[in-house]
PDB file of N, CA and C in Angstrom:
ATOM      1  N   UNK A   1     -46.865  50.551  40.680  1.00  0.00           N
ATOM      2  CA  UNK A   1     -45.575  50.896  40.189  1.00  0.00           C
ATOM      3  C   UNK A   1     -44.911  49.683  39.542  1.00  0.00           C
ATOM      4  N   UNK A   2     -44.769  48.606  40.299  1.00  0.00           N
ATOM      5  CA  UNK A   2     -44.139  47.404  39.776  1.00  0.00           C
ATOM      6  C   UNK A   2     -45.244  46.439  39.469  1.00  0.00           C
ATOM      7  N   UNK A   3     -45.324  46.145  38.107  1.00  0.00           N
ATOM      8  CA  UNK A   3     -46.438  45.245  37.715  1.00  0.00           C
ATOM      9  C   UNK A   3     -46.095  43.827  37.992  1.00  0.00           C
ATOM     10  N   UNK A   4     -47.046  43.109  38.557  1.00  0.00           N
ATOM     11  CA  UNK A   4     -46.830  41.706  38.875  1.00  0.00           C
ATOM     12  C   UNK A   4     -46.881  40.894  37.601  1.00  0.00           C
ATOM     13  N   UNK A   5     -46.030  39.858  37.535  1.00  0.00           N
ATOM     14  CA  UNK A   5     -45.998  38.991  36.373  1.00  0.00           C
ATOM     15  C   UNK A   5     -47.254  38.109  36.430  1.00  0.00           C
ATOM     16  N   UNK A   6     -47.795  37.845  35.289  1.00  0.00           N
ATOM     17  CA  UNK A   6     -48.867  36.913  35.177  1.00  0.00           C
ATOM     18  C   UNK A   6     -48.339  35.443  35.249  1.00  0.00           C
ATOM     19  N   UNK A   7     -49.117  34.590  35.852  1.00  0.00           N
ATOM     20  CA  UNK A   7     -48.722  33.218  35.889  1.00  0.00           C
ATOM     21  C   UNK A   7     -48.844  32.628  34.472  1.00  0.00           C
ATOM     22  N   UNK A   8     -47.998  31.739  34.114  1.00  0.00           N
ATOM     23  CA  UNK A   8     -48.061  31.060  32.848  1.00  0.00           C
ATOM     24  C   UNK A   8     -49.176  30.032  32.881  1.00  0.00           C
ATOM     25  N   UNK A   9     -49.871  29.951  31.801  1.00  0.00           N
ATOM     26  CA  UNK A   9     -50.949  28.993  31.651  1.00  0.00           C
ATOM     27  C   UNK A   9     -50.632  28.083  30.474  1.00  0.00           C
ATOM     28  N   UNK A  10     -51.014  26.843  30.651  1.00  0.00           N
ATOM     29  CA  UNK A  10     -50.764  25.811  29.590  1.00  0.00           C
ATOM     30  C   UNK A  10     -52.104  25.121  29.274  1.00  0.00           C
ATOM     31  N   UNK A  11     -52.162  24.667  28.088  1.00  0.00           N
ATOM     32  CA  UNK A  11     -53.356  23.864  27.685  1.00  0.00           C
ATOM     33  C   UNK A  11     -52.933  22.423  27.863  1.00  0.00           C
ATOM     34  N   UNK A  12     -53.200  21.933  29.085  1.00  0.00           N
ATOM     35  CA  UNK A  12     -52.795  20.607  29.465  1.00  0.00           C
ATOM     36  C   UNK A  12     -53.857  19.589  29.084  1.00  0.00           C
ATOM     37  N   UNK A  13     -53.442  18.534  28.355  1.00  0.00           N
ATOM     38  CA  UNK A  13     -54.348  17.402  28.063  1.00  0.00           C
ATOM     39  C   UNK A  13     -53.766  16.198  28.690  1.00  0.00           C
ATOM     40  N   UNK A  14     -54.469  15.634  29.665  1.00  0.00           N
ATOM     41  CA  UNK A  14     -53.938  14.450  30.372  1.00  0.00           C
ATOM     42  C   UNK A  14     -53.763  13.328  29.395  1.00  0.00           C
ATOM     43  N   UNK A  15     -52.725  12.525  29.723  1.00  0.00           N
ATOM     44  CA  UNK A  15     -52.404  11.391  28.882  1.00  0.00           C
ATOM     45  C   UNK A  15     -53.470  10.319  28.915  1.00  0.00           C
ATOM     46  N   UNK A  16     -54.003  10.058  30.048  1.00  0.00           N
ATOM     47  CA  UNK A  16     -54.982   9.026  30.129  1.00  0.00           C
ATOM     48  C   UNK A  16     -56.371   9.640  30.538  1.00  0.00           C
ATOM     49  N   UNK A  17     -56.881  10.433  29.700  1.00  0.00           N
ATOM     50  CA  UNK A  17     -58.161  11.073  30.022  1.00  0.00           C
ATOM     51  C   UNK A  17     -59.270  10.137  29.572  1.00  0.00           C
ATOM     52  N   UNK A  18     -60.538  10.478  29.950  1.00  0.00           N
ATOM     53  CA  UNK A  18     -61.646   9.640  29.656  1.00  0.00           C
ATOM     54  C   UNK A  18     -62.528  10.189  28.569  1.00  0.00           C
ATOM     55  N   UNK A  19     -61.947  10.873  27.605  1.00  0.00           N
ATOM     56  CA  UNK A  19     -62.736  11.374  26.482  1.00  0.00           C
ATOM     57  C   UNK A  19     -62.703  10.364  25.312  1.00  0.00           C
ATOM     58  N   UNK A  20     -63.295  10.746  24.217  1.00  0.00           N
ATOM     59  CA  UNK A  20     -63.441   9.767  23.103  1.00  0.00           C
ATOM     60  C   UNK A  20     -62.058   9.430  22.454  1.00  0.00           C
ATOM     61  N   UNK A  21     -61.128  10.369  22.488  1.00  0.00           N
ATOM     62  CA  UNK A  21     -59.854  10.119  21.883  1.00  0.00           C
ATOM     63  C   UNK A  21     -59.019   9.109  22.704  1.00  0.00           C
ATOM     64  N   UNK A  22     -59.329   9.033  24.012  1.00  0.00           N
ATOM     65  CA  UNK A  22     -58.508   8.155  24.842  1.00  0.00           C
ATOM     66  C   UNK A  22     -58.738   6.711  24.467  1.00  0.00           C
ATOM     67  N   UNK A  23     -59.985   6.349  23.944  1.00  0.00           N
ATOM     68  CA  UNK A  23     -60.152   4.943  23.568  1.00  0.00           C
ATOM     69  C   UNK A  23     -59.300   4.578  22.343  1.00  0.00           C
ATOM     70  N   UNK A  24     -59.086   5.564  21.474  1.00  0.00           N
ATOM     71  CA  UNK A  24     -58.239   5.338  20.318  1.00  0.00           C
ATOM     72  C   UNK A  24     -56.790   5.095  20.829  1.00  0.00           C
ATOM     73  N   UNK A  25     -56.406   5.919  21.753  1.00  0.00           N
ATOM     74  CA  UNK A  25     -55.026   5.790  22.285  1.00  0.00           C
ATOM     75  C   UNK A  25     -54.909   4.447  22.961  1.00  0.00           C
ATOM     76  N   UNK A  26     -55.882   4.083  23.781  1.00  0.00           N
ATOM     77  CA  UNK A  26     -55.815   2.803  24.468  1.00  0.00           C
ATOM     78  C   UNK A  26     -55.720   1.635  23.534  1.00  0.00           C
ATOM     79  N   UNK A  27     -56.523   1.702  22.433  1.00  0.00           N
ATOM     80  CA  UNK A  27     -56.493   0.623  21.434  1.00  0.00           C
ATOM     81  C   UNK A  27     -55.127   0.552  20.790  1.00  0.00           C
ATOM     82  N   UNK A  28     -54.517   1.715  20.493  1.00  0.00           N
ATOM     83  CA  UNK A  28     -53.187   1.737  19.895  1.00  0.00           C
ATOM     84  C   UNK A  28     -52.174   1.119  20.867  1.00  0.00           C
ATOM     85  N   UNK A  29     -52.266   1.453  22.144  1.00  0.00           N
ATOM     86  CA  UNK A  29     -51.269   0.879  23.068  1.00  0.00           C
ATOM     87  C   UNK A  29     -51.474  -0.600  23.283  1.00  0.00           C
ATOM     88  N   UNK A  30     -52.744  -1.064  23.251  1.00  0.00           N
ATOM     89  CA  UNK A  30     -53.053  -2.510  23.399  1.00  0.00           C
ATOM     90  C   UNK A  30     -52.467  -3.227  22.141  1.00  0.00           C
ATOM     91  N   UNK A  31     -52.650  -2.628  21.038  1.00  0.00           N
ATOM     92  CA  UNK A  31     -52.123  -3.240  19.775  1.00  0.00           C
ATOM     93  C   UNK A  31     -50.618  -3.340  19.803  1.00  0.00           C
ATOM     94  N   UNK A  32     -50.005  -2.230  20.235  1.00  0.00           N
ATOM     95  CA  UNK A  32     -48.564  -2.153  20.330  1.00  0.00           C
ATOM     96  C   UNK A  32     -48.016  -3.214  21.330  1.00  0.00           C
ATOM     97  N   UNK A  33     -48.707  -3.284  22.476  1.00  0.00           N
ATOM     98  CA  UNK A  33     -48.276  -4.247  23.506  1.00  0.00           C
ATOM     99  C   UNK A  33     -48.413  -5.671  22.990  1.00  0.00           C
ATOM    100  N   UNK A  34     -49.501  -5.989  22.279  1.00  0.00           N
ATOM    101  CA  UNK A  34     -49.628  -7.310  21.793  1.00  0.00           C
ATOM    102  C   UNK A  34     -48.592  -7.656  20.735  1.00  0.00           C
ATOM    103  N   UNK A  35     -48.311  -6.676  19.866  1.00  0.00           N
ATOM    104  CA  UNK A  35     -47.234  -6.922  18.867  1.00  0.00           C
ATOM    105  C   UNK A  35     -45.887  -7.156  19.593  1.00  0.00           C
ATOM    106  N   UNK A  36     -45.647  -6.336  20.665  1.00  0.00           N
ATOM    107  CA  UNK A  36     -44.359  -6.461  21.362  1.00  0.00           C
ATOM    108  C   UNK A  36     -44.262  -7.870  21.966  1.00  0.00           C
ATOM    109  N   UNK A  37     -45.324  -8.358  22.599  1.00  0.00           N
ATOM    110  CA  UNK A  37     -45.302  -9.686  23.193  1.00  0.00           C
ATOM    111  C   UNK A  37     -45.077 -10.782  22.103  1.00  0.00           C
ATOM    112  N   UNK A  38     -45.740 -10.618  20.988  1.00  0.00           N
ATOM    113  CA  UNK A  38     -45.564 -11.591  19.949  1.00  0.00           C
ATOM    114  C   UNK A  38     -44.123 -11.645  19.437  1.00  0.00           C
ATOM    115  N   UNK A  39     -43.508 -10.462  19.259  1.00  0.00           N
ATOM    116  CA  UNK A  39     -42.159 -10.409  18.729  1.00  0.00           C
ATOM    117  C   UNK A  39     -41.150 -10.989  19.767  1.00  0.00           C
ATOM    118  N   UNK A  40     -41.341 -10.597  21.067  1.00  0.00           N
ATOM    119  CA  UNK A  40     -40.412 -11.010  22.049  1.00  0.00           C
ATOM    120  C   UNK A  40     -40.706 -12.297  22.741  1.00  0.00           C
ATOM    121  N   UNK A  41     -41.776 -13.015  22.353  1.00  0.00           N
ATOM    122  CA  UNK A  41     -42.093 -14.277  22.972  1.00  0.00           C
ATOM    123  C   UNK A  41     -40.990 -15.325  22.674  1.00  0.00           C
ATOM    124  N   UNK A  42     -40.370 -15.274  21.534  1.00  0.00           N
ATOM    125  CA  UNK A  42     -39.312 -16.200  21.174  1.00  0.00           C
ATOM    126  C   UNK A  42     -38.004 -15.900  21.884  1.00  0.00           C
ATOM    127  N   UNK A  43     -37.877 -14.711  22.407  1.00  0.00           N
ATOM    128  CA  UNK A  43     -36.628 -14.267  23.043  1.00  0.00           C
ATOM    129  C   UNK A  43     -36.603 -14.494  24.542  1.00  0.00           C
ATOM    130  N   UNK A  44     -37.498 -15.373  25.082  1.00  0.00           N
ATOM    131  CA  UNK A  44     -37.595 -15.523  26.527  1.00  0.00           C
ATOM    132  C   UNK A  44     -36.461 -16.347  27.130  1.00  0.00           C
ATOM    133  N   UNK A  45     -35.768 -17.100  26.324  1.00  0.00           N
ATOM    134  CA  UNK A  45     -34.660 -17.857  26.829  1.00  0.00           C
ATOM    135  C   UNK A  45     -33.508 -16.960  27.257  1.00  0.00           C
ATOM    136  N   UNK A  46     -33.126 -17.110  28.506  1.00  0.00           N
ATOM    137  CA  UNK A  46     -32.021 -16.293  28.966  1.00  0.00           C
ATOM    138  C   UNK A  46     -30.792 -17.234  29.049  1.00  0.00           C
ATOM    139  N   UNK A  47     -29.698 -16.866  28.397  1.00  0.00           N
ATOM    140  CA  UNK A  47     -28.541 -17.665  28.302  1.00  0.00           C
ATOM    141  C   UNK A  47     -27.664 -17.383  29.531  1.00  0.00           C
ATOM    142  N   UNK A  48     -27.473 -18.346  30.319  1.00  0.00           N
ATOM    143  CA  UNK A  48     -26.587 -18.109  31.444  1.00  0.00           C
ATOM    144  C   UNK A  48     -25.299 -18.815  31.179  1.00  0.00           C
ATOM    145  N   UNK A  49     -24.178 -18.361  31.789  1.00  0.00           N
ATOM    146  CA  UNK A  49     -22.950 -19.050  31.653  1.00  0.00           C
ATOM    147  C   UNK A  49     -23.009 -20.418  32.202  1.00  0.00           C
ATOM    148  N   UNK A  50     -22.060 -21.261  31.843  1.00  0.00           N
ATOM    149  CA  UNK A  50     -22.085 -22.611  32.359  1.00  0.00           C
ATOM    150  C   UNK A  50     -21.745 -22.630  33.884  1.00  0.00           C
ATOM    151  N   UNK A  51     -20.870 -21.734  34.317  1.00  0.00           N
ATOM    152  CA  UNK A  51     -20.495 -21.684  35.702  1.00  0.00           C
ATOM    153  C   UNK A  51     -20.655 -20.247  36.173  1.00  0.00           C
ATOM    154  N   UNK A  52     -20.975 -20.170  37.455  1.00  0.00           N
ATOM    155  CA  UNK A  52     -21.115 -18.821  38.061  1.00  0.00           C
ATOM    156  C   UNK A  52     -19.680 -18.331  38.377  1.00  0.00           C
ATOM    157  N   UNK A  53     -19.559 -17.051  38.637  1.00  0.00           N
ATOM    158  CA  UNK A  53     -18.266 -16.449  38.882  1.00  0.00           C
ATOM    159  C   UNK A  53     -17.621 -17.071  40.124  1.00  0.00           C
ATOM    160  N   UNK A  54     -18.425 -17.419  41.140  1.00  0.00           N
ATOM    161  CA  UNK A  54     -17.829 -17.987  42.393  1.00  0.00           C
ATOM    162  C   UNK A  54     -17.167 -19.368  42.059  1.00  0.00           C
ATOM    163  N   UNK A  55     -17.828 -20.157  41.229  1.00  0.00           N
ATOM    164  CA  UNK A  55     -17.283 -21.445  40.901  1.00  0.00           C
ATOM    165  C   UNK A  55     -15.984 -21.343  40.138  1.00  0.00           C
ATOM    166  N   UNK A  56     -15.939 -20.378  39.214  1.00  0.00           N
ATOM    167  CA  UNK A  56     -14.677 -20.175  38.414  1.00  0.00           C
ATOM    168  C   UNK A  56     -13.567 -19.647  39.279  1.00  0.00           C
ATOM    169  N   UNK A  57     -13.843 -18.765  40.245  1.00  0.00           N
ATOM    170  CA  UNK A  57     -12.776 -18.298  41.098  1.00  0.00           C
ATOM    171  C   UNK A  57     -12.310 -19.453  42.048  1.00  0.00           C
ATOM    172  N   UNK A  58     -13.251 -20.231  42.585  1.00  0.00           N
ATOM    173  CA  UNK A  58     -12.900 -21.341  43.421  1.00  0.00           C
ATOM    174  C   UNK A  58     -12.007 -22.350  42.669  1.00  0.00           C
ATOM    175  N   UNK A  59     -12.381 -22.670  41.435  1.00  0.00           N
ATOM    176  CA  UNK A  59     -11.601 -23.600  40.619  1.00  0.00           C
ATOM    177  C   UNK A  59     -10.189 -23.058  40.358  1.00  0.00           C
ATOM    178  N   UNK A  60     -10.092 -21.754  40.070  1.00  0.00           N
ATOM    179  CA  UNK A  60      -8.808 -21.119  39.823  1.00  0.00           C
ATOM    180  C   UNK A  60      -7.946 -21.202  41.090  1.00  0.00           C
ATOM    181  N   UNK A  61      -8.479 -20.952  42.236  1.00  0.00           N
ATOM    182  CA  UNK A  61      -7.720 -20.986  43.495  1.00  0.00           C
ATOM    183  C   UNK A  61      -7.235 -22.459  43.748  1.00  0.00           C
ATOM    184  N   UNK A  62      -8.169 -23.428  43.580  1.00  0.00           N
ATOM    185  CA  UNK A  62      -7.779 -24.777  43.801  1.00  0.00           C
ATOM    186  C   UNK A  62      -6.693 -25.216  42.809  1.00  0.00           C
ATOM    187  N   UNK A  63      -6.803 -24.798  41.570  1.00  0.00           N
ATOM    188  CA  UNK A  63      -5.761 -25.091  40.587  1.00  0.00           C
ATOM    189  C   UNK A  63      -4.430 -24.531  40.971  1.00  0.00           C
ATOM    190  N   UNK A  64      -4.407 -23.305  41.465  1.00  0.00           N
ATOM    191  CA  UNK A  64      -3.159 -22.681  41.860  1.00  0.00           C
ATOM    192  C   UNK A  64      -2.556 -23.414  43.052  1.00  0.00           C
ATOM    193  N   UNK A  65      -3.396 -23.765  44.002  1.00  0.00           N
ATOM    194  CA  UNK A  65      -2.910 -24.544  45.173  1.00  0.00           C
ATOM    195  C   UNK A  65      -2.292 -25.875  44.743  1.00  0.00           C
ATOM    196  N   UNK A  66      -2.984 -26.584  43.857  1.00  0.00           N
ATOM    197  CA  UNK A  66      -2.413 -27.864  43.400  1.00  0.00           C
ATOM    198  C   UNK A  66      -1.093 -27.691  42.649  1.00  0.00           C
ATOM    199  N   UNK A  67      -1.027 -26.649  41.851  1.00  0.00           N
ATOM    200  CA  UNK A  67       0.226 -26.446  41.075  1.00  0.00           C
ATOM    201  C   UNK A  67       1.341 -26.113  42.129  1.00  0.00           C
ATOM    202  N   UNK A  68       1.046 -25.298  43.100  1.00  0.00           N
ATOM    203  CA  UNK A  68       2.041 -24.971  44.123  1.00  0.00           C
ATOM    204  C   UNK A  68       2.514 -26.214  44.859  1.00  0.00           C
ATOM    205  N   UNK A  69       1.584 -27.076  45.255  1.00  0.00           N
ATOM    206  CA  UNK A  69       1.932 -28.297  46.013  1.00  0.00           C
ATOM    207  C   UNK A  69       2.717 -29.269  45.128  1.00  0.00           C
ATOM    208  N   UNK A  70       2.357 -29.390  43.910  1.00  0.00           N
ATOM    209  CA  UNK A  70       3.051 -30.317  42.998  1.00  0.00           C
ATOM    210  C   UNK A  70       4.489 -29.831  42.706  1.00  0.00           C
ATOM    211  N   UNK A  71       4.616 -28.496  42.611  1.00  0.00           N
ATOM    212  CA  UNK A  71       5.943 -27.961  42.369  1.00  0.00           C
ATOM    213  C   UNK A  71       6.851 -28.159  43.595  1.00  0.00           C
ATOM    214  N   UNK A  72       6.312 -27.998  44.786  1.00  0.00           N
ATOM    215  CA  UNK A  72       7.076 -28.142  46.001  1.00  0.00           C
ATOM    216  C   UNK A  72       7.474 -29.655  46.172  1.00  0.00           C
ATOM    217  N   UNK A  73       6.549 -30.538  45.808  1.00  0.00           N
ATOM    218  CA  UNK A  73       6.802 -31.974  45.996  1.00  0.00           C
ATOM    219  C   UNK A  73       7.877 -32.515  45.066  1.00  0.00           C
ATOM    220  N   UNK A  74       7.945 -32.032  43.868  1.00  0.00           N
ATOM    221  CA  UNK A  74       8.816 -32.583  42.862  1.00  0.00           C
ATOM    222  C   UNK A  74      10.064 -31.735  42.630  1.00  0.00           C
ATOM    223  N   UNK A  75      10.270 -30.693  43.406  1.00  0.00           N
ATOM    224  CA  UNK A  75      11.458 -29.867  43.230  1.00  0.00           C
ATOM    225  C   UNK A  75      12.435 -30.027  44.327  1.00  0.00           C
TER     226      UNK A  75
END
């Protein structure tokens, strides 16, 4: 009376299969990876700030304390 639905089927081809086309894909990825490394090899320098955030906050607090003490002393 009630027909059961058929399960969906897909033609799945694994990304990293061991057939003849996979060697072509692997060669392409190796070529891409080597190009990527060559291009980005010059960009390995990471520019950091001169001071960390903790040092800047500490310097600011010390500066404010010094300003407060000098104001109290000379006023």
